[in-house]
């Protein structure tokens, strides 16, 4: 049995930066809160909770404590970012604020703010319920903004033909699908300005996952159950390898059976710590014995 781990698997720059910031604050401060789970990975969120890090929602409520954090508490904005309105509310709240928004996401905020401020409608290619997309939408000036995720939504788009449309993408969106949706919108006759804001780490991870899956008999895709970018990796790998499995950790491998000659590929989403990747790899190697 051969086991190959994708070189690009695991934490991307933005996630690593955000997670390290939270661990640092947890070690130095008593009252640390994050705006939503710092990343979509149950293992990391649980570990931080054991270190005293609490989660607050969009209304600034900590469900565990039954109210808002007191003045002076440390509040960390996760890598997904927040809307401009939320940012202003946080700045005036009296909290000690740490902004861990991914620089790639901040770039999108600036693009949509500038273009919409010049009167351009905005299309965000991505998942409308994802916190990153919600945050991006919150930086659009005005109401002329659409979020498109599917071909049907792209074909159904209706905008002002007299205006240039600004198109951006969720940083972790499927690159190939992004291109397909942009082409559909172009065929409708709109004049568009397209900025491919899928981060380079995402493109590299998706390309490597596709190539590894095509060369494997079994493909394991590791990530949190709520991780959007891991789900996209899973979808990509399913198109190349029939025996592709989405796993959150080694506990999900108990019922899987491997054959002696299997070529096993392993990749992981941007919010998967290296320790989990190694634990999964070691579990597979023990199954070989």
Protein backbone atom coordinates (compact mmCIF):
# COMPACT_ATOMS: atom_id res chain seq x y z
CA UNK A 1 0.00 0.00 0.00
CA UNK A 2 1.30 3.43 -1.01
CA UNK A 3 0.40 6.61 0.87
CA UNK A 4 0.91 10.07 -0.61
CA UNK A 5 0.13 13.29 1.29
CA UNK A 6 -0.45 16.46 -0.74
CA UNK A 7 2.27 19.04 -0.11
CA UNK A 8 -0.34 21.80 -0.02
CA UNK A 9 -2.56 20.06 2.56
CA UNK A 10 -3.42 21.92 5.74
CA UNK A 11 -3.32 25.46 7.10
CA UNK A 12 -3.07 28.28 4.61
CA UNK A 13 -1.31 31.53 5.50
CA UNK A 14 -4.45 33.38 6.63
CA UNK A 15 -5.75 30.57 8.82
CA UNK A 16 -2.35 29.88 10.40
CA UNK A 17 -1.97 33.56 11.21
CA UNK A 18 -5.43 33.77 12.80
CA UNK A 19 -5.07 30.57 14.83
CA UNK A 20 -1.63 31.56 16.12
CA UNK A 21 -3.02 34.92 17.24
CA UNK A 22 -5.79 33.24 19.23
CA UNK A 23 -3.44 30.78 20.92
CA UNK A 24 -1.10 33.65 21.80
CA UNK A 25 -3.92 35.68 23.33
CA UNK A 26 -5.29 32.64 25.17
CA UNK A 27 -1.91 32.22 26.86
CA UNK A 28 -1.58 35.91 27.79
CA UNK A 29 -5.14 37.15 28.46
CA UNK A 30 -7.99 35.99 30.67
CA UNK A 31 -11.02 37.01 28.61
CA UNK A 32 -10.62 36.10 24.95
CA UNK A 33 -13.50 35.86 22.48
CA UNK A 34 -13.68 35.19 18.76
CA UNK A 35 -16.35 36.45 16.36
CA UNK A 36 -17.72 33.04 15.46
CA UNK A 37 -15.50 29.93 15.46
CA UNK A 38 -11.97 31.07 14.56
CA UNK A 39 -11.88 28.39 11.83
CA UNK A 40 -14.24 25.67 10.64
CA UNK A 41 -12.47 22.83 12.42
CA UNK A 42 -14.04 21.15 15.43
CA UNK A 43 -10.72 19.91 16.86
CA UNK A 44 -9.14 23.38 16.97
CA UNK A 45 -12.29 25.07 18.30
CA UNK A 46 -12.60 22.49 21.10
CA UNK A 47 -8.94 22.83 22.04
CA UNK A 48 -9.26 26.61 22.25
CA UNK A 49 -12.42 26.29 24.35
CA UNK A 50 -10.45 24.21 26.85
CA UNK A 51 -7.98 27.10 27.02
CA UNK A 52 -10.79 29.51 27.88
CA UNK A 53 -11.51 31.03 24.46
CA UNK A 54 -15.21 31.79 24.02
CA UNK A 55 -17.26 32.41 20.88
CA UNK A 56 -19.60 35.35 20.33
CA UNK A 57 -22.20 35.65 17.58
CA UNK A 58 -23.05 38.54 15.24
CA UNK A 59 -25.08 40.16 18.04
CA UNK A 60 -22.01 40.03 20.31
CA UNK A 61 -23.65 37.42 22.54
CA UNK A 62 -21.63 34.64 24.15
CA UNK A 63 -24.08 31.76 24.51
CA UNK A 64 -21.95 30.02 27.16
CA UNK A 65 -21.97 33.09 29.38
CA UNK A 66 -25.46 34.28 28.49
CA UNK A 67 -24.60 37.82 27.45
CA UNK A 68 -22.07 40.20 25.94
CA UNK A 69 -18.42 40.27 27.02
CA UNK A 70 -17.61 42.97 29.53
CA UNK A 71 -15.59 46.11 28.65
CA UNK A 72 -11.90 45.46 28.11
CA UNK A 73 -12.36 41.90 26.87
CA UNK A 74 -10.22 40.80 23.92
CA UNK A 75 -12.28 40.18 20.78
CA UNK A 76 -10.63 38.60 17.74
CA UNK A 77 -12.04 38.92 14.22
CA UNK A 78 -11.48 35.62 12.45
CA UNK A 79 -9.82 35.21 9.05
CA UNK A 80 -13.21 35.31 7.26
CA UNK A 81 -13.57 39.00 8.13
CA UNK A 82 -16.69 40.99 9.03
CA UNK A 83 -18.87 43.64 7.41
CA UNK A 84 -17.96 47.32 7.59
CA UNK A 85 -20.91 47.92 9.93
CA UNK A 86 -19.77 45.18 12.30
CA UNK A 87 -16.21 46.52 12.23
CA UNK A 88 -17.37 49.98 13.23
CA UNK A 89 -19.55 48.56 16.02
CA UNK A 90 -16.60 46.57 17.36
CA UNK A 91 -14.29 49.59 17.27
CA UNK A 92 -16.73 51.63 19.35
CA UNK A 93 -17.58 48.83 21.79
CA UNK A 94 -14.76 49.33 24.26
CA UNK A 95 -13.26 45.90 23.57
CA UNK A 96 -9.60 45.26 22.91
CA UNK A 97 -9.94 44.42 19.22
CA UNK A 98 -7.58 42.20 17.20
CA UNK A 99 -8.24 41.94 13.47
CA UNK A 100 -7.14 38.55 12.09
CA UNK A 101 -8.93 39.00 8.75
CA UNK A 102 -6.98 37.27 5.99
CA UNK A 103 -5.13 39.84 3.82
CA UNK A 104 -6.62 38.21 0.70
CA UNK A 105 -10.11 38.81 2.10
CA UNK A 106 -9.25 42.40 3.03
CA UNK A 107 -8.23 42.94 -0.61
CA UNK A 108 -11.73 41.88 -1.72
CA UNK A 109 -13.29 44.29 0.78
CA UNK A 110 -11.34 47.15 -0.80
CA UNK A 111 -12.26 46.10 -4.35
CA UNK A 112 -16.01 45.88 -3.78
CA UNK A 113 -16.06 49.06 -1.69
CA UNK A 114 -14.25 51.04 -4.41
CA UNK A 115 -16.17 49.62 -7.38
CA UNK A 116 -19.60 49.88 -5.76
CA UNK A 117 -18.71 53.41 -4.62
CA UNK A 118 -18.20 54.25 -8.30
CA UNK A 119 -21.68 52.95 -9.11
CA UNK A 120 -20.84 49.43 -10.26
CA UNK A 121 -23.16 46.55 -9.32
CA UNK A 122 -21.27 43.71 -7.59
CA UNK A 123 -21.49 39.96 -8.10
CA UNK A 124 -19.82 37.73 -5.52
CA UNK A 125 -19.21 34.18 -6.73
CA UNK A 126 -19.56 32.06 -3.61
CA UNK A 127 -21.79 30.63 -0.91
CA UNK A 128 -24.24 33.26 0.35
CA UNK A 129 -24.33 31.76 3.86
CA UNK A 130 -20.55 31.58 4.29
CA UNK A 131 -19.18 34.15 6.79
CA UNK A 132 -16.54 35.34 4.35
CA UNK A 133 -19.17 36.13 1.71
CA UNK A 134 -21.43 37.79 4.28
CA UNK A 135 -18.50 39.97 5.31
CA UNK A 136 -17.63 40.87 1.70
CA UNK A 137 -21.23 41.81 1.00
CA UNK A 138 -21.10 44.08 4.02
CA UNK A 139 -18.43 46.20 2.31
CA UNK A 140 -20.53 46.85 -0.80
CA UNK A 141 -21.85 50.41 -0.89
CA UNK A 142 -25.56 50.30 -1.71
CA UNK A 143 -27.87 47.37 -2.35
CA UNK A 144 -26.87 46.37 -5.90
CA UNK A 145 -25.11 43.13 -4.99
CA UNK A 146 -25.80 39.51 -5.92
CA UNK A 147 -24.24 36.29 -4.67
CA UNK A 148 -24.06 33.50 -7.25
CA UNK A 149 -23.03 29.91 -6.57
CA UNK A 150 -24.73 27.79 -9.25
CA UNK A 151 -25.20 27.79 -13.02
CA UNK A 152 -28.95 28.32 -12.56
CA UNK A 153 -28.31 31.41 -10.45
CA UNK A 154 -25.85 32.75 -13.03
CA UNK A 155 -28.33 32.27 -15.90
CA UNK A 156 -31.10 33.89 -13.87
CA UNK A 157 -29.06 37.01 -13.04
CA UNK A 158 -30.71 40.26 -14.10
CA UNK A 159 -28.79 43.51 -13.82
CA UNK A 160 -28.42 46.93 -15.40
CA UNK A 161 -27.00 46.58 -18.92
CA UNK A 162 -25.92 50.21 -18.76
CA UNK A 163 -23.45 49.60 -15.95
CA UNK A 164 -20.14 47.76 -15.64
CA UNK A 165 -20.48 44.83 -13.27
CA UNK A 166 -17.73 44.02 -10.77
CA UNK A 167 -17.25 40.28 -10.25
CA UNK A 168 -15.19 38.86 -7.39
CA UNK A 169 -15.00 35.45 -5.75
CA UNK A 170 -14.97 33.88 -2.33
CA UNK A 171 -11.29 33.08 -1.73
CA UNK A 172 -11.89 29.34 -1.36
CA UNK A 173 -14.27 28.84 -4.29
CA UNK A 174 -13.67 26.15 -6.93
CA UNK A 175 -11.48 27.84 -9.55
CA UNK A 176 -12.88 25.91 -12.52
CA UNK A 177 -16.46 26.54 -11.43
CA UNK A 178 -15.67 30.24 -10.96
CA UNK A 179 -14.52 30.46 -14.58
CA UNK A 180 -17.63 28.64 -15.80
CA UNK A 181 -19.99 30.96 -13.92
CA UNK A 182 -18.19 34.06 -15.17
CA UNK A 183 -18.53 32.83 -18.77
CA UNK A 184 -22.28 32.30 -18.30
CA UNK A 185 -22.69 35.86 -17.00
CA UNK A 186 -20.68 37.20 -19.95
CA UNK A 187 -22.93 35.39 -22.45
CA UNK A 188 -25.91 37.29 -21.02
CA UNK A 189 -24.46 40.41 -22.58
CA UNK A 190 -23.20 42.28 -19.53
CA UNK A 191 -19.99 44.29 -19.49
CA UNK A 192 -18.00 42.90 -16.60
CA UNK A 193 -14.76 43.58 -14.77
CA UNK A 194 -13.59 40.27 -13.32
CA UNK A 195 -11.09 40.04 -10.48
CA UNK A 196 -10.12 36.46 -9.69
CA UNK A 197 -9.89 36.69 -5.90
CA UNK A 198 -9.52 32.96 -5.29
CA UNK A 199 -6.31 32.86 -3.27
CA UNK A 200 -3.23 31.23 -4.76
CA UNK A 201 -3.08 28.67 -1.93
CA UNK A 202 -6.62 27.54 -2.79
CA UNK A 203 -5.83 27.16 -6.50
CA UNK A 204 -2.65 25.21 -5.70
CA UNK A 205 -4.48 22.95 -3.24
CA UNK A 206 -7.32 22.24 -5.67
CA UNK A 207 -4.98 21.50 -8.58
CA UNK A 208 -2.80 19.18 -6.52
CA UNK A 209 -5.86 17.42 -5.06
CA UNK A 210 -7.24 16.77 -8.54
CA UNK A 211 -3.93 15.34 -9.78
CA UNK A 212 -3.42 13.22 -6.66
CA UNK A 213 -6.97 11.86 -6.75
CA UNK A 214 -6.58 10.88 -10.40
CA UNK A 215 -3.49 8.82 -9.48
CA UNK A 216 -5.03 7.19 -6.38
CA UNK A 217 -7.27 4.21 -5.65
CA UNK A 218 -8.49 5.82 -2.41
CA UNK A 219 -8.60 9.54 -1.63
CA UNK A 220 -9.00 10.91 1.89
CA UNK A 221 -10.03 14.56 2.23
CA UNK A 222 -9.59 15.86 5.78
CA UNK A 223 -11.38 18.87 7.23
CA UNK A 224 -14.07 20.23 9.52
CA UNK A 225 -17.64 19.24 8.76
CA UNK A 226 -18.56 22.91 8.20
CA UNK A 227 -15.49 23.75 6.11
CA UNK A 228 -16.52 25.13 2.72
CA UNK A 229 -13.08 24.80 1.14
CA UNK A 230 -12.75 21.18 2.30
CA UNK A 231 -16.14 20.37 0.75
CA UNK A 232 -14.92 21.81 -2.55
CA UNK A 233 -11.78 19.66 -2.35
CA UNK A 234 -13.99 16.64 -1.72
CA UNK A 235 -16.15 17.45 -4.75
CA UNK A 236 -13.07 17.84 -6.95
CA UNK A 237 -11.59 14.54 -5.76
CA UNK A 238 -14.88 12.68 -6.23
CA UNK A 239 -14.68 13.61 -9.90
CA UNK A 240 -11.31 11.84 -10.18
CA UNK A 241 -11.46 8.97 -7.68
CA UNK A 242 -14.50 6.80 -6.99
CA UNK A 243 -13.34 5.84 -3.49
CA UNK A 244 -13.10 9.36 -2.05
CA UNK A 245 -13.96 9.94 1.61
CA UNK A 246 -14.51 13.12 3.64
CA UNK A 247 -13.06 12.64 7.12
CA UNK A 248 -12.80 15.02 10.08
CA UNK A 249 -10.14 12.94 11.83
CA UNK A 250 -8.85 9.39 12.41
CA UNK A 251 -12.10 8.46 14.19
CA UNK A 252 -13.87 8.52 10.83
CA UNK A 253 -11.59 5.81 9.43
CA UNK A 254 -12.75 2.99 11.70
CA UNK A 255 -15.18 1.53 9.21
CA UNK A 256 -13.00 2.01 6.11
CA UNK A 257 -11.22 -0.96 4.62
CA UNK A 258 -8.07 -0.70 2.54
CA UNK A 259 -6.60 -3.28 0.19
CA UNK A 260 -2.95 -4.32 0.12
CA UNK A 261 -2.22 -2.73 -3.23
CA UNK A 262 -4.15 0.49 -2.71
CA UNK A 263 -2.58 3.79 -3.65
CA UNK A 264 -3.93 6.20 -1.03
CA UNK A 265 -3.91 9.94 -1.48
CA UNK A 266 -4.43 12.37 1.42
CA UNK A 267 -5.24 16.05 1.23
CA UNK A 268 -6.77 18.49 3.69
CA UNK A 269 -8.63 21.78 3.79
CA UNK A 270 -7.10 25.12 4.73
CA UNK A 271 -8.43 24.86 8.29
CA UNK A 272 -6.98 21.43 9.07
CA UNK A 273 -4.03 21.36 11.51
CA UNK A 274 -1.00 19.29 10.60
CA UNK A 275 -1.46 17.15 13.73
CA UNK A 276 -4.79 15.84 12.39
CA UNK A 277 -3.24 15.10 8.98
CA UNK A 278 -0.47 13.11 10.65
CA UNK A 279 -2.92 11.22 12.87
CA UNK A 280 -4.95 10.19 9.83
CA UNK A 281 -1.80 9.15 7.97
CA UNK A 282 -0.59 7.08 10.92
CA UNK A 283 -3.99 5.39 11.26
CA UNK A 284 -3.84 4.37 7.59
CA UNK A 285 -0.29 3.05 7.99
CA UNK A 286 -1.33 0.95 11.01
CA UNK A 287 -4.19 -0.46 8.96
CA UNK A 288 -1.55 -1.75 6.56
CA UNK A 289 0.02 -3.97 9.23
